[in-house]
């Protein structure tokens, strides 16, 4: 239901009764619009998923148009579903030049299967955010402190010289802390050895494995280097949904469909 203050504002602005507003609101929530595909050459796609309480939305957004070409409701980011979505985008005639993604395994696997030649740009903000989270604000070891400094530099890379400097610094860090990264400790309760500095190791490997697909935007400034726009897009949506407590799952899904529909209309 809408919050009481929201109804008062709508009644004042529309000069309609609360009952009329409720009937209109639920009439639209009982159905959903169709979102058309916009065809043009050289599509630079952003792909990301946003999670709500009982489902998630996988969004395929055209960066140049800020237009959501396709979206899917699911319970998680699943390979078969993302693969089907990408196949459908191709069947509908989209010429996709690049896909920017946060690097979820299901998404990367689906892209490799459906579009093996498309450029995959890893979201720099996601890489940086996860590394800073794992390394914590105050790392205990020098290795963590130095890697945190390197991770904080990622979003500042704007030229090929910046890229080369970053890679060199990362390689030097790896050489310096190679033995440190390999240290293991024995866990009697499991009878197994585990990497002693797992979060520092995880942060480093996240960057190293993403390196081949971190800097395509330096060669083509039309390629988005983050999926931030989608996160902001859905953040705004969630603020709207917070005003409508008590909606059923079906009504929440239709609300999101209308939100995407009207937002797309504003881009045309």
Foldseek 3Di string as FASTA:
>chain_A
DFDPVVLVVCCVVVVDDSVVVVVVLVVLLVDADDAAADEDAAFQWEWDWDDDDAWIKIFIAGLVLRATRDIDIGRDLAQVVLLVVVVVCVVVPHHYQEYEYCPDPSNVVSCCVNPVPHAYAHALVSLLVLLCVLLDPDHPDPLSVLVNVLSVCRVVDQAVVSLVVSVVSLVVSCVVCVVVQQDWDADVVVRDIDGPSVSSNVSSVSCVVCSVRHPPCNVPVSHDNHSVSVVVLVVVVVVVVVSPPPDDPSSNVSSVSVSSRVVNVVSD
